[in-house]
Structures are given as C-alpha cells and as structure tokens.
Amino acid sequence: DRMTEVIYAGLEKMATEGPSDDYMQKIREYMVRSHAESLKDNSYWMSQLIARTREKKDYVTQFDKVLQGITADDVRAFAAKIFHGGNRAVVGMKTPPAKD
C-alpha cells in the first residue's frame, strides 16, 4: 500500500508539474546513447524494416529531430492524459505467513 502511494504521488507530480529541464536533458542524453547502441544491433534494423514495410513508418532518419522536439510540457500533458484517464488496475502481492 505504501509503495502504491509513493508511485501515485510521483505520477501525480509528473502529470501536474512535468519533468524538470535537467531531467529532460538527462533522458535525452540517455536516449541518444541508447539509440546509437541500437544502430549496431541486427534485431533493431529488422524491427525498423518491419515498421517501414508494414506500417510505412520511419523511426530512424528523424530520431534526433523528434527527440529534441519533445518538450517537458508534452511529457506533462501525456502523463496527465494517462494518469487522469480513469483506467487503473492495482495489483498487489502479499507474502503468506511463515509456517511454524
């Protein structure tokens, strides 16, 4: 229950305030590094070929432009849409009591 409260508080903060500029910059840097690594992987290229042929989508050539175009307000609005959408499922697990 406590963990759910912490998670909901974090999501609510993201939905109302959005991420900080520092956080956005760190995420962008991580995504650029991750994308550069993905470019070396055959499975990445296979998924891109599938996206290109089935969906007519190009996720490679405009990656940097799209990434730089995402703002903190975009993230805030998306988080608000998801978090305040009214669809939630809370699943929890409890450890059974120890047997004597």
PDB file of N, CA and C in Angstrom:
ATOM      1  N   ASP A   1       0.822  -1.198   0.000  1.00  0.00           N
ATOM      2  CA  ASP A   1       0.000   0.000   0.000  1.00  0.00           C
ATOM      3  C   ASP A   1       0.866   1.261   0.000  1.00  0.00           C
ATOM      4  N   ARG A   2       1.927   1.221   0.780  1.00  0.00           N
ATOM      5  CA  ARG A   2       2.822   2.390   0.853  1.00  0.00           C
ATOM      6  C   ARG A   2       3.494   2.642  -0.491  1.00  0.00           C
ATOM      7  N   MET A   3       3.919   1.575  -1.162  1.00  0.00           N
ATOM      8  CA  MET A   3       4.572   1.732  -2.461  1.00  0.00           C
ATOM      9  C   MET A   3       3.598   2.324  -3.485  1.00  0.00           C
ATOM     10  N   THR A   4       2.346   1.907  -3.444  1.00  0.00           N
ATOM     11  CA  THR A   4       1.337   2.454  -4.349  1.00  0.00           C
ATOM     12  C   THR A   4       1.174   3.950  -4.113  1.00  0.00           C
ATOM     13  N   GLU A   5       1.167   4.364  -2.872  1.00  0.00           N
ATOM     14  CA  GLU A   5       1.062   5.791  -2.550  1.00  0.00           C
ATOM     15  C   GLU A   5       2.239   6.570  -3.126  1.00  0.00           C
ATOM     16  N   VAL A   6       3.433   6.038  -2.978  1.00  0.00           N
ATOM     17  CA  VAL A   6       4.639   6.709  -3.488  1.00  0.00           C
ATOM     18  C   VAL A   6       4.583   6.822  -5.006  1.00  0.00           C
ATOM     19  N   ILE A   7       4.200   5.748  -5.665  1.00  0.00           N
ATOM     20  CA  ILE A   7       4.120   5.756  -7.128  1.00  0.00           C
ATOM     21  C   ILE A   7       3.063   6.750  -7.597  1.00  0.00           C
ATOM     22  N   TYR A   8       1.891   6.720  -6.981  1.00  0.00           N
ATOM     23  CA  TYR A   8       0.830   7.656  -7.368  1.00  0.00           C
ATOM     24  C   TYR A   8       1.246   9.102  -7.146  1.00  0.00           C
ATOM     25  N   ALA A   9       1.953   9.369  -6.070  1.00  0.00           N
ATOM     26  CA  ALA A   9       2.426  10.735  -5.810  1.00  0.00           C
ATOM     27  C   ALA A   9       3.398  11.177  -6.902  1.00  0.00           C
ATOM     28  N   GLY A  10       4.298  10.284  -7.314  1.00  0.00           N
ATOM     29  CA  GLY A  10       5.234  10.608  -8.386  1.00  0.00           C
ATOM     30  C   GLY A  10       4.528  10.836  -9.706  1.00  0.00           C
ATOM     31  N   LEU A  11       3.549   9.996 -10.010  1.00  0.00           N
ATOM     32  CA  LEU A  11       2.792  10.161 -11.249  1.00  0.00           C
ATOM     33  C   LEU A  11       1.970  11.448 -11.235  1.00  0.00           C
ATOM     34  N   GLU A  12       1.381  11.750 -10.099  1.00  0.00           N
ATOM     35  CA  GLU A  12       0.601  12.985  -9.982  1.00  0.00           C
ATOM     36  C   GLU A  12       1.491  14.208 -10.180  1.00  0.00           C
ATOM     37  N   LYS A  13       2.688  14.168  -9.602  1.00  0.00           N
ATOM     38  CA  LYS A  13       3.625  15.284  -9.774  1.00  0.00           C
ATOM     39  C   LYS A  13       4.018  15.422 -11.245  1.00  0.00           C
ATOM     40  N   MET A  14       4.265  14.304 -11.930  1.00  0.00           N
ATOM     41  CA  MET A  14       4.624  14.353 -13.338  1.00  0.00           C
ATOM     42  C   MET A  14       3.461  14.899 -14.164  1.00  0.00           C
ATOM     43  N   ALA A  15       2.220  14.535 -13.793  1.00  0.00           N
ATOM     44  CA  ALA A  15       1.043  14.967 -14.526  1.00  0.00           C
ATOM     45  C   ALA A  15       0.710  16.438 -14.302  1.00  0.00           C
ATOM     46  N   THR A  16       1.114  16.980 -13.159  1.00  0.00           N
ATOM     47  CA  THR A  16       0.791  18.377 -12.871  1.00  0.00           C
ATOM     48  C   THR A  16       1.951  19.327 -13.144  1.00  0.00           C
ATOM     49  N   GLU A  17       3.171  18.898 -12.832  1.00  0.00           N
ATOM     50  CA  GLU A  17       4.328  19.773 -12.992  1.00  0.00           C
ATOM     51  C   GLU A  17       5.188  19.433 -14.204  1.00  0.00           C
ATOM     52  N   GLY A  18       5.176  18.172 -14.598  1.00  0.00           N
ATOM     53  CA  GLY A  18       6.055  17.734 -15.673  1.00  0.00           C
ATOM     54  C   GLY A  18       7.474  17.558 -15.169  1.00  0.00           C
ATOM     55  N   PRO A  19       8.335  17.029 -16.021  1.00  0.00           N
ATOM     56  CA  PRO A  19       9.727  16.819 -15.618  1.00  0.00           C
ATOM     57  C   PRO A  19      10.512  18.137 -15.633  1.00  0.00           C
ATOM     58  N   SER A  20      11.561  18.193 -14.845  1.00  0.00           N
ATOM     59  CA  SER A  20      12.427  19.373 -14.830  1.00  0.00           C
ATOM     60  C   SER A  20      13.262  19.405 -16.114  1.00  0.00           C
ATOM     61  N   ASP A  21      13.807  20.567 -16.425  1.00  0.00           N
ATOM     62  CA  ASP A  21      14.664  20.693 -17.607  1.00  0.00           C
ATOM     63  C   ASP A  21      15.895  19.796 -17.485  1.00  0.00           C
ATOM     64  N   ASP A  22      16.435  19.699 -16.277  1.00  0.00           N
ATOM     65  CA  ASP A  22      17.595  18.848 -16.039  1.00  0.00           C
ATOM     66  C   ASP A  22      17.259  17.382 -16.304  1.00  0.00           C
ATOM     67  N   TYR A  23      16.115  16.948 -15.825  1.00  0.00           N
ATOM     68  CA  TYR A  23      15.675  15.575 -16.037  1.00  0.00           C
ATOM     69  C   TYR A  23      15.462  15.305 -17.523  1.00  0.00           C
ATOM     70  N   MET A  24      14.836  16.247 -18.225  1.00  0.00           N
ATOM     71  CA  MET A  24      14.613  16.089 -19.667  1.00  0.00           C
ATOM     72  C   MET A  24      15.942  15.956 -20.404  1.00  0.00           C
ATOM     73  N   GLN A  25      16.918  16.761 -20.022  1.00  0.00           N
ATOM     74  CA  GLN A  25      18.218  16.691 -20.672  1.00  0.00           C
ATOM     75  C   GLN A  25      18.891  15.340 -20.435  1.00  0.00           C
ATOM     76  N   LYS A  26      18.805  14.845 -19.208  1.00  0.00           N
ATOM     77  CA  LYS A  26      19.391  13.535 -18.893  1.00  0.00           C
ATOM     78  C   LYS A  26      18.706  12.421 -19.690  1.00  0.00           C
ATOM     79  N   ILE A  27      17.400  12.497 -19.815  1.00  0.00           N
ATOM     80  CA  ILE A  27      16.656  11.490 -20.579  1.00  0.00           C
ATOM     81  C   ILE A  27      17.044  11.550 -22.050  1.00  0.00           C
ATOM     82  N   ARG A  28      17.144  12.746 -22.585  1.00  0.00           N
ATOM     83  CA  ARG A  28      17.562  12.888 -23.995  1.00  0.00           C
ATOM     84  C   ARG A  28      18.948  12.294 -24.213  1.00  0.00           C
ATOM     85  N   GLU A  29      19.883  12.601 -23.326  1.00  0.00           N
ATOM     86  CA  GLU A  29      21.242  12.060 -23.442  1.00  0.00           C
ATOM     87  C   GLU A  29      21.222  10.541 -23.393  1.00  0.00           C
ATOM     88  N   TYR A  30      20.429   9.975 -22.489  1.00  0.00           N
ATOM     89  CA  TYR A  30      20.320   8.528 -22.392  1.00  0.00           C
ATOM     90  C   TYR A  30      19.744   7.943 -23.683  1.00  0.00           C
ATOM     91  N   MET A  31      18.702   8.570 -24.208  1.00  0.00           N
ATOM     92  CA  MET A  31      18.058   8.045 -25.413  1.00  0.00           C
ATOM     93  C   MET A  31      18.971   8.135 -26.633  1.00  0.00           C
ATOM     94  N   VAL A  32      19.779   9.182 -26.722  1.00  0.00           N
ATOM     95  CA  VAL A  32      20.738   9.302 -27.829  1.00  0.00           C
ATOM     96  C   VAL A  32      21.772   8.181 -27.735  1.00  0.00           C
ATOM     97  N   ARG A  33      22.305   7.942 -26.535  1.00  0.00           N
ATOM     98  CA  ARG A  33      23.279   6.847 -26.348  1.00  0.00           C
ATOM     99  C   ARG A  33      22.653   5.495 -26.649  1.00  0.00           C
ATOM    100  N   SER A  34      21.447   5.283 -26.154  1.00  0.00           N
ATOM    101  CA  SER A  34      20.756   4.021 -26.365  1.00  0.00           C
ATOM    102  C   SER A  34      20.467   3.788 -27.846  1.00  0.00           C
ATOM    103  N   HIS A  35      20.047   4.833 -28.536  1.00  0.00           N
ATOM    104  CA  HIS A  35      19.769   4.725 -29.970  1.00  0.00           C
ATOM    105  C   HIS A  35      21.046   4.418 -30.738  1.00  0.00           C
ATOM    106  N   ALA A  36      22.141   5.052 -30.378  1.00  0.00           N
ATOM    107  CA  ALA A  36      23.426   4.789 -31.041  1.00  0.00           C
ATOM    108  C   ALA A  36      23.826   3.326 -30.875  1.00  0.00           C
ATOM    109  N   GLU A  37      23.584   2.764 -29.695  1.00  0.00           N
ATOM    110  CA  GLU A  37      23.876   1.351 -29.467  1.00  0.00           C
ATOM    111  C   GLU A  37      22.932   0.461 -30.275  1.00  0.00           C
ATOM    112  N   SER A  38      21.677   0.848 -30.347  1.00  0.00           N
ATOM    113  CA  SER A  38      20.695   0.062 -31.099  1.00  0.00           C
ATOM    114  C   SER A  38      21.048  -0.023 -32.575  1.00  0.00           C
ATOM    115  N   LEU A  39      21.649   1.045 -33.101  1.00  0.00           N
ATOM    116  CA  LEU A  39      22.012   1.071 -34.520  1.00  0.00           C
ATOM    117  C   LEU A  39      23.024  -0.019 -34.875  1.00  0.00           C
ATOM    118  N   LYS A  40      23.688  -0.576 -33.873  1.00  0.00           N
ATOM    119  CA  LYS A  40      24.679  -1.634 -34.091  1.00  0.00           C
ATOM    120  C   LYS A  40      24.062  -3.031 -34.053  1.00  0.00           C
ATOM    121  N   ASP A  41      22.778  -3.112 -33.754  1.00  0.00           N
ATOM    122  CA  ASP A  41      22.128  -4.392 -33.499  1.00  0.00           C
ATOM    123  C   ASP A  41      21.225  -4.807 -34.661  1.00  0.00           C
ATOM    124  N   ASN A  42      21.409  -6.028 -35.136  1.00  0.00           N
ATOM    125  CA  ASN A  42      20.604  -6.526 -36.252  1.00  0.00           C
ATOM    126  C   ASN A  42      19.116  -6.566 -35.933  1.00  0.00           C
ATOM    127  N   SER A  43      18.762  -6.919 -34.701  1.00  0.00           N
ATOM    128  CA  SER A  43      17.340  -7.000 -34.358  1.00  0.00           C
ATOM    129  C   SER A  43      16.671  -5.624 -34.431  1.00  0.00           C
ATOM    130  N   TYR A  44      17.425  -4.569 -34.117  1.00  0.00           N
ATOM    131  CA  TYR A  44      16.888  -3.213 -34.248  1.00  0.00           C
ATOM    132  C   TYR A  44      16.562  -2.928 -35.702  1.00  0.00           C
ATOM    133  N   TRP A  45      17.482  -3.242 -36.581  1.00  0.00           N
ATOM    134  CA  TRP A  45      17.270  -2.982 -38.009  1.00  0.00           C
ATOM    135  C   TRP A  45      16.139  -3.837 -38.557  1.00  0.00           C
ATOM    136  N   MET A  46      16.006  -5.055 -38.071  1.00  0.00           N
ATOM    137  CA  MET A  46      14.900  -5.902 -38.507  1.00  0.00           C
ATOM    138  C   MET A  46      13.568  -5.279 -38.099  1.00  0.00           C
ATOM    139  N   SER A  47      13.481  -4.797 -36.865  1.00  0.00           N
ATOM    140  CA  SER A  47      12.231  -4.164 -36.421  1.00  0.00           C
ATOM    141  C   SER A  47      11.940  -2.898 -37.211  1.00  0.00           C
ATOM    142  N   GLN A  48      12.989  -2.175 -37.595  1.00  0.00           N
ATOM    143  CA  GLN A  48      12.791  -0.966 -38.394  1.00  0.00           C
ATOM    144  C   GLN A  48      12.324  -1.298 -39.814  1.00  0.00           C
ATOM    145  N   LEU A  49      12.859  -2.367 -40.368  1.00  0.00           N
ATOM    146  CA  LEU A  49      12.417  -2.814 -41.691  1.00  0.00           C
ATOM    147  C   LEU A  49      10.943  -3.243 -41.659  1.00  0.00           C
ATOM    148  N   ILE A  50      10.564  -3.933 -40.604  1.00  0.00           N
ATOM    149  CA  ILE A  50       9.167  -4.342 -40.450  1.00  0.00           C
ATOM    150  C   ILE A  50       8.266  -3.121 -40.322  1.00  0.00           C
ATOM    151  N   ALA A  51       8.664  -2.162 -39.501  1.00  0.00           N
ATOM    152  CA  ALA A  51       7.871  -0.936 -39.341  1.00  0.00           C
ATOM    153  C   ALA A  51       7.750  -0.197 -40.669  1.00  0.00           C
ATOM    154  N   ARG A  52       8.823  -0.155 -41.412  1.00  0.00           N
ATOM    155  CA  ARG A  52       8.830   0.555 -42.696  1.00  0.00           C
ATOM    156  C   ARG A  52       7.915  -0.133 -43.702  1.00  0.00           C
ATOM    157  N   THR A  53       7.959  -1.461 -43.764  1.00  0.00           N
ATOM    158  CA  THR A  53       7.165  -2.164 -44.781  1.00  0.00           C
ATOM    159  C   THR A  53       5.706  -2.353 -44.365  1.00  0.00           C
ATOM    160  N   ARG A  54       5.454  -2.668 -43.117  1.00  0.00           N
ATOM    161  CA  ARG A  54       4.075  -2.915 -42.677  1.00  0.00           C
ATOM    162  C   ARG A  54       3.311  -1.644 -42.358  1.00  0.00           C
ATOM    163  N   GLU A  55       3.960  -0.737 -41.649  1.00  0.00           N
ATOM    164  CA  GLU A  55       3.279   0.457 -41.136  1.00  0.00           C
ATOM    165  C   GLU A  55       3.605   1.726 -41.914  1.00  0.00           C
ATOM    166  N   LYS A  56       4.554   1.623 -42.834  1.00  0.00           N
ATOM    167  CA  LYS A  56       5.015   2.797 -43.600  1.00  0.00           C
ATOM    168  C   LYS A  56       5.543   3.879 -42.665  1.00  0.00           C
ATOM    169  N   LYS A  57       6.230   3.461 -41.597  1.00  0.00           N
ATOM    170  CA  LYS A  57       6.796   4.385 -40.606  1.00  0.00           C
ATOM    171  C   LYS A  57       8.314   4.349 -40.673  1.00  0.00           C
ATOM    172  N   ASP A  58       8.920   5.507 -40.510  1.00  0.00           N
ATOM    173  CA  ASP A  58      10.380   5.628 -40.474  1.00  0.00           C
ATOM    174  C   ASP A  58      10.768   6.184 -39.111  1.00  0.00           C
ATOM    175  N   TYR A  59      11.289   5.317 -38.271  1.00  0.00           N
ATOM    176  CA  TYR A  59      11.684   5.723 -36.922  1.00  0.00           C
ATOM    177  C   TYR A  59      13.191   5.985 -36.803  1.00  0.00           C
ATOM    178  N   VAL A  60      13.907   5.916 -37.922  1.00  0.00           N
ATOM    179  CA  VAL A  60      15.362   6.032 -37.875  1.00  0.00           C
ATOM    180  C   VAL A  60      15.838   7.419 -38.274  1.00  0.00           C
ATOM    181  N   THR A  61      15.468   7.873 -39.466  1.00  0.00           N
ATOM    182  CA  THR A  61      16.087   9.080 -40.016  1.00  0.00           C
ATOM    183  C   THR A  61      15.712  10.361 -39.272  1.00  0.00           C
ATOM    184  N   GLN A  62      14.562  10.390 -38.621  1.00  0.00           N
ATOM    185  CA  GLN A  62      14.135  11.600 -37.910  1.00  0.00           C
ATOM    186  C   GLN A  62      14.253  11.471 -36.396  1.00  0.00           C
ATOM    187  N   PHE A  63      14.950  10.442 -35.925  1.00  0.00           N
ATOM    188  CA  PHE A  63      15.008  10.170 -34.491  1.00  0.00           C
ATOM    189  C   PHE A  63      15.471  11.384 -33.688  1.00  0.00           C
ATOM    190  N   ASP A  64      16.615  11.949 -34.055  1.00  0.00           N
ATOM    191  CA  ASP A  64      17.162  13.073 -33.287  1.00  0.00           C
ATOM    192  C   ASP A  64      16.245  14.294 -33.324  1.00  0.00           C
ATOM    193  N   LYS A  65      15.684  14.585 -34.480  1.00  0.00           N
ATOM    194  CA  LYS A  65      14.791  15.736 -34.616  1.00  0.00           C
ATOM    195  C   LYS A  65      13.545  15.562 -33.748  1.00  0.00           C
ATOM    196  N   VAL A  66      12.953  14.382 -33.788  1.00  0.00           N
ATOM    197  CA  VAL A  66      11.764  14.113 -32.977  1.00  0.00           C
ATOM    198  C   VAL A  66      12.108  14.174 -31.496  1.00  0.00           C
ATOM    199  N   LEU A  67      13.208  13.555 -31.111  1.00  0.00           N
ATOM    200  CA  LEU A  67      13.623  13.546 -29.710  1.00  0.00           C
ATOM    201  C   LEU A  67      13.818  14.964 -29.182  1.00  0.00           C
ATOM    202  N   GLN A  68      14.495  15.800 -29.930  1.00  0.00           N
ATOM    203  CA  GLN A  68      14.738  17.173 -29.490  1.00  0.00           C
ATOM    204  C   GLN A  68      13.456  18.008 -29.479  1.00  0.00           C
ATOM    205  N   GLY A  69      12.460  17.580 -30.254  1.00  0.00           N
ATOM    206  CA  GLY A  69      11.202  18.317 -30.318  1.00  0.00           C
ATOM    207  C   GLY A  69      10.250  18.028 -29.169  1.00  0.00           C
ATOM    208  N   ILE A  70      10.519  16.992 -28.404  1.00  0.00           N
ATOM    209  CA  ILE A  70       9.640  16.644 -27.276  1.00  0.00           C
ATOM    210  C   ILE A  70       9.973  17.554 -26.098  1.00  0.00           C
ATOM    211  N   THR A  71       8.966  18.245 -25.606  1.00  0.00           N
ATOM    212  CA  THR A  71       9.169  19.191 -24.509  1.00  0.00           C
ATOM    213  C   THR A  71       8.683  18.609 -23.185  1.00  0.00           C
ATOM    214  N   ALA A  72       9.073  19.270 -22.112  1.00  0.00           N
ATOM    215  CA  ALA A  72       8.608  18.871 -20.782  1.00  0.00           C
ATOM    216  C   ALA A  72       7.095  18.991 -20.707  1.00  0.00           C
ATOM    217  N   ASP A  73       6.540  19.983 -21.382  1.00  0.00           N
ATOM    218  CA  ASP A  73       5.085  20.148 -21.378  1.00  0.00           C
ATOM    219  C   ASP A  73       4.402  19.001 -22.126  1.00  0.00           C
ATOM    220  N   ASP A  74       5.033  18.487 -23.183  1.00  0.00           N
ATOM    221  CA  ASP A  74       4.495  17.319 -23.881  1.00  0.00           C
ATOM    222  C   ASP A  74       4.428  16.126 -22.942  1.00  0.00           C
ATOM    223  N   VAL A  75       5.485  15.927 -22.169  1.00  0.00           N
ATOM    224  CA  VAL A  75       5.530  14.812 -21.218  1.00  0.00           C
ATOM    225  C   VAL A  75       4.472  15.007 -20.143  1.00  0.00           C
ATOM    226  N   ARG A  76       4.354  16.226 -19.633  1.00  0.00           N
ATOM    227  CA  ARG A  76       3.351  16.529 -18.608  1.00  0.00           C
ATOM    228  C   ARG A  76       1.952  16.243 -19.132  1.00  0.00           C
ATOM    229  N   ALA A  77       1.644  16.702 -20.338  1.00  0.00           N
ATOM    230  CA  ALA A  77       0.311  16.509 -20.913  1.00  0.00           C
ATOM    231  C   ALA A  77       0.022  15.021 -21.133  1.00  0.00           C
ATOM    232  N   PHE A  78       1.020  14.284 -21.600  1.00  0.00           N
ATOM    233  CA  PHE A  78       0.835  12.850 -21.810  1.00  0.00           C
ATOM    234  C   PHE A  78       0.612  12.142 -20.481  1.00  0.00           C
ATOM    235  N   ALA A  79       1.416  12.484 -19.480  1.00  0.00           N
ATOM    236  CA  ALA A  79       1.260  11.870 -18.152  1.00  0.00           C
ATOM    237  C   ALA A  79      -0.117  12.186 -17.576  1.00  0.00           C
ATOM    238  N   ALA A  80      -0.581  13.426 -17.754  1.00  0.00           N
ATOM    239  CA  ALA A  80      -1.906  13.802 -17.251  1.00  0.00           C
ATOM    240  C   ALA A  80      -2.996  13.010 -17.960  1.00  0.00           C
ATOM    241  N   LYS A  81      -2.864  12.850 -19.257  1.00  0.00           N
ATOM    242  CA  LYS A  81      -3.858  12.098 -20.023  1.00  0.00           C
ATOM    243  C   LYS A  81      -3.930  10.653 -19.544  1.00  0.00           C
ATOM    244  N   ILE A  82      -2.773  10.041 -19.334  1.00  0.00           N
ATOM    245  CA  ILE A  82      -2.743   8.655 -18.895  1.00  0.00           C
ATOM    246  C   ILE A  82      -3.185   8.528 -17.431  1.00  0.00           C
ATOM    247  N   PHE A  83      -2.616   9.339 -16.556  1.00  0.00           N
ATOM    248  CA  PHE A  83      -2.875   9.202 -15.123  1.00  0.00           C
ATOM    249  C   PHE A  83      -4.299   9.602 -14.753  1.00  0.00           C
ATOM    250  N   HIS A  84      -4.823  10.616 -15.414  1.00  0.00           N
ATOM    251  CA  HIS A  84      -6.161  11.091 -15.089  1.00  0.00           C
ATOM    252  C   HIS A  84      -7.225  10.483 -16.001  1.00  0.00           C
ATOM    253  N   GLY A  85      -6.856   9.472 -16.766  1.00  0.00           N
ATOM    254  CA  GLY A  85      -7.782   8.847 -17.707  1.00  0.00           C
ATOM    255  C   GLY A  85      -8.864   7.994 -17.071  1.00  0.00           C
ATOM    256  N   GLY A  86      -8.679   7.624 -15.818  1.00  0.00           N
ATOM    257  CA  GLY A  86      -9.699   6.862 -15.120  1.00  0.00           C
ATOM    258  C   GLY A  86      -9.569   5.353 -15.243  1.00  0.00           C
ATOM    259  N   ASN A  87      -8.582   4.887 -15.950  1.00  0.00           N
ATOM    260  CA  ASN A  87      -8.388   3.448 -16.092  1.00  0.00           C
ATOM    261  C   ASN A  87      -7.189   3.011 -15.259  1.00  0.00           C
ATOM    262  N   ARG A  88      -7.459   2.353 -14.156  1.00  0.00           N
ATOM    263  CA  ARG A  88      -6.394   1.889 -13.280  1.00  0.00           C
ATOM    264  C   ARG A  88      -6.684   0.482 -12.796  1.00  0.00           C
ATOM    265  N   ALA A  89      -5.645  -0.243 -12.631  1.00  0.00           N
ATOM    266  CA  ALA A  89      -5.741  -1.552 -12.002  1.00  0.00           C
ATOM    267  C   ALA A  89      -4.600  -1.640 -10.997  1.00  0.00           C
ATOM    268  N   VAL A  90      -4.916  -1.888  -9.782  1.00  0.00           N
ATOM    269  CA  VAL A  90      -3.904  -2.025  -8.743  1.00  0.00           C
ATOM    270  C   VAL A  90      -3.800  -3.511  -8.402  1.00  0.00           C
ATOM    271  N   VAL A  91      -2.605  -4.027  -8.571  1.00  0.00           N
ATOM    272  CA  VAL A  91      -2.362  -5.441  -8.299  1.00  0.00           C
ATOM    273  C   VAL A  91      -1.310  -5.522  -7.210  1.00  0.00           C
ATOM    274  N   GLY A  92      -1.570  -6.288  -6.208  1.00  0.00           N
ATOM    275  CA  GLY A  92      -0.617  -6.428  -5.104  1.00  0.00           C
ATOM    276  C   GLY A  92      -0.411  -7.885  -4.748  1.00  0.00           C
ATOM    277  N   MET A  93       0.706  -8.133  -4.158  1.00  0.00           N
ATOM    278  CA  MET A  93       1.032  -9.484  -3.713  1.00  0.00           C
ATOM    279  C   MET A  93       1.391  -9.421  -2.244  1.00  0.00           C
ATOM    280  N   LYS A  94       0.950 -10.395  -1.513  1.00  0.00           N
ATOM    281  CA  LYS A  94       1.296 -10.467  -0.102  1.00  0.00           C
ATOM    282  C   LYS A  94       1.981 -11.793   0.151  1.00  0.00           C
ATOM    283  N   THR A  95       2.986 -11.725   0.979  1.00  0.00           N
ATOM    284  CA  THR A  95       3.716 -12.913   1.350  1.00  0.00           C
ATOM    285  C   THR A  95       2.891 -13.696   2.360  1.00  0.00           C
ATOM    286  N   PRO A  96       2.707 -14.992   2.115  1.00  0.00           N
ATOM    287  CA  PRO A  96       1.962 -15.758   3.101  1.00  0.00           C
ATOM    288  C   PRO A  96       2.736 -15.843   4.407  1.00  0.00           C
ATOM    289  N   PRO A  97       2.032 -15.977   5.511  1.00  0.00           N
ATOM    290  CA  PRO A  97       2.723 -16.083   6.806  1.00  0.00           C
ATOM    291  C   PRO A  97       3.607 -17.336   6.844  1.00  0.00           C
ATOM    292  N   ALA A  98       4.691 -17.208   7.555  1.00  0.00           N
ATOM    293  CA  ALA A  98       5.620 -18.342   7.678  1.00  0.00           C
ATOM    294  C   ALA A  98       4.970 -19.466   8.458  1.00  0.00           C
ATOM    295  N   LYS A  99       5.253 -20.681   8.025  1.00  0.00           N
ATOM    296  CA  LYS A  99       4.735 -21.854   8.746  1.00  0.00           C
ATOM    297  C   LYS A  99       5.683 -22.212   9.874  1.00  0.00           C
ATOM    298  N   ASP A 100       5.111 -22.575  10.993  1.00  0.00           N
ATOM    299  CA  ASP A 100       5.936 -22.951  12.146  1.00  0.00           C
ATOM    300  C   ASP A 100       6.411 -24.364  12.039  1.00  0.00           C
TER     301      ASP A 100
END
